[in-house]
Amino acid sequence: MKRFCLACLAVALLCASLGGCVPPKPASPSMFYGNCITPMGADPCDSDMSICQVFEDVITQKWATAGACRTACNQAFNQLSYQSPGQDCGYMYWRGSDLCEQECLRQYPKSK
C-alpha cells in the first residue's frame, strides 16, 4: 500500500511538472478585452473601455517578435498616460500594459 501511494504521488508530481512547461495559449481579443476591463477592486476610472481597446488594438496586429509587440504595448501605455493624466486611471494603464505584454509573450513564445 505504501509503494502504491508513493507511486501515485510520483505520477501526480510528474504530471504537475509537465503541465507547468506548456506555454499558455493566446487569448482571443474578446477574452483579452474582458480581462482588461475587469479590475480587481473599485473602478474609479470611467475610461477603462477605451483604454483596453487601445491595448486590444496592439495585440490584434501582427508583429515580427514578442519584443516588437511589447514595445508597442509600452508605447500605448505612454500615449495613454500622457493623454489623460488627470483621470484616476493609472491602474488601468498599468493593467492594460501588463496584460498586453503577457499576451505578446503568449503569441510569440519563440522570440523575446
Protein backbone atom coordinates (compact mmCIF):
# COMPACT_ATOMS: atom_id res chain seq x y z
CA MET A 1 0.00 0.00 0.00
CA LYS A 2 2.84 2.35 0.88
CA ARG A 3 4.52 1.80 -2.51
CA PHE A 4 1.24 2.39 -4.32
CA CYS A 5 0.77 5.75 -2.55
CA LEU A 6 4.35 6.77 -3.35
CA ALA A 7 3.89 5.78 -6.99
CA CYS A 8 0.65 7.81 -7.21
CA LEU A 9 2.40 10.78 -5.65
CA ALA A 10 5.30 10.49 -8.10
CA VAL A 11 2.91 10.34 -11.06
CA ALA A 12 0.98 13.35 -9.77
CA LEU A 13 4.19 15.36 -9.34
CA LEU A 14 5.35 14.39 -12.81
CA CYS A 15 2.06 15.46 -14.35
CA ALA A 16 2.11 18.75 -12.45
CA SER A 17 5.67 19.50 -13.51
CA LEU A 18 4.93 18.75 -17.17
CA GLY A 19 1.86 20.98 -17.10
CA GLY A 20 3.99 23.90 -15.97
CA CYS A 21 6.23 23.65 -19.03
CA VAL A 22 3.48 24.17 -21.57
CA PRO A 23 3.18 27.83 -22.60
CA PRO A 24 -0.31 29.28 -22.12
CA LYS A 25 -2.43 29.70 -25.23
CA PRO A 26 -3.02 33.19 -26.61
CA ALA A 27 -6.30 34.75 -25.56
CA SER A 28 -8.90 35.76 -28.09
CA PRO A 29 -9.27 39.54 -28.50
CA SER A 30 -12.62 39.45 -26.70
CA MET A 31 -11.15 37.42 -23.82
CA PHE A 32 -8.24 39.86 -23.56
CA TYR A 33 -10.66 42.81 -23.54
CA GLY A 34 -12.87 41.18 -20.91
CA ASN A 35 -9.89 40.52 -18.65
CA CYS A 36 -8.66 44.05 -19.14
CA ILE A 37 -11.91 45.86 -18.28
CA THR A 38 -12.49 43.79 -15.15
CA PRO A 39 -10.43 45.41 -12.39
CA MET A 40 -9.70 43.67 -9.10
CA GLY A 41 -11.43 46.25 -6.92
CA ALA A 42 -13.08 49.63 -7.02
CA ASP A 43 -13.21 51.16 -10.50
CA PRO A 44 -12.99 54.97 -10.34
CA CYS A 45 -11.83 55.15 -13.99
CA ASP A 46 -14.57 55.99 -16.47
CA SER A 47 -12.34 55.36 -19.49
CA ASP A 48 -11.45 51.72 -18.88
CA MET A 49 -13.24 50.51 -22.01
CA SER A 50 -11.39 52.90 -24.32
CA ILE A 51 -8.07 52.19 -22.57
CA CYS A 52 -8.49 48.44 -23.01
CA GLN A 53 -9.49 48.96 -26.64
CA VAL A 54 -6.13 50.63 -27.32
CA PHE A 55 -4.28 47.62 -25.89
CA GLU A 56 -6.54 45.19 -27.73
CA ASP A 57 -5.66 47.00 -30.96
CA VAL A 58 -1.99 46.33 -30.19
CA ILE A 59 -2.41 42.60 -29.63
CA THR A 60 -4.53 42.09 -32.74
CA GLN A 61 -1.81 43.45 -35.01
CA LYS A 62 0.92 41.20 -36.39
CA TRP A 63 4.43 41.80 -35.04
CA ALA A 64 7.77 40.33 -36.04
CA THR A 65 8.71 39.38 -32.46
CA ALA A 66 7.43 39.44 -28.91
CA GLY A 67 9.84 42.33 -28.31
CA ALA A 68 8.25 44.43 -31.05
CA CYS A 69 4.81 43.65 -29.66
CA ARG A 70 5.87 44.55 -26.11
CA THR A 71 7.39 47.79 -27.37
CA ALA A 72 4.01 48.64 -28.91
CA CYS A 73 2.35 47.90 -25.55
CA ASN A 74 4.76 50.29 -23.84
CA GLN A 75 4.15 52.96 -26.47
CA ALA A 76 0.38 52.59 -25.96
CA PHE A 77 0.90 52.94 -22.21
CA ASN A 78 2.95 56.12 -22.67
CA GLN A 79 0.47 57.60 -25.12
CA LEU A 80 -2.50 56.91 -22.85
CA SER A 81 -0.84 58.20 -19.70
CA TYR A 82 0.12 61.47 -21.43
CA GLN A 83 -3.32 61.95 -22.99
CA SER A 84 -5.33 61.73 -19.77
CA PRO A 85 -3.05 62.36 -16.81
CA GLY A 86 -5.79 63.94 -14.64
CA GLN A 87 -8.13 60.95 -14.62
CA ASP A 88 -7.93 58.32 -11.92
CA CYS A 89 -6.98 55.65 -14.47
CA GLY A 90 -3.33 54.97 -13.76
CA TYR A 91 -4.07 51.46 -12.56
CA MET A 92 -5.92 50.76 -15.84
CA TYR A 93 -2.91 51.88 -17.87
CA TRP A 94 -0.72 49.50 -15.86
CA ARG A 95 -3.26 46.68 -16.02
CA GLY A 96 -3.73 47.03 -19.78
CA SER A 97 0.00 47.25 -20.36
CA ASP A 98 0.74 44.18 -18.21
CA LEU A 99 -1.94 42.11 -19.92
CA CYS A 100 -0.75 43.35 -23.32
CA GLU A 101 2.83 42.27 -22.64
CA GLN A 102 1.68 38.89 -21.33
CA GLU A 103 -0.35 38.38 -24.48
CA CYS A 104 2.68 39.27 -26.63
CA LEU A 105 4.68 36.57 -24.87
CA ARG A 106 1.85 34.08 -25.49
CA GLN A 107 1.50 34.97 -29.17
CA TYR A 108 5.24 34.95 -29.89
CA PRO A 109 6.68 32.34 -27.50
CA LYS A 110 9.78 31.58 -29.55
CA SER A 111 11.02 35.17 -29.70
CA LYS A 112 11.82 37.65 -26.97
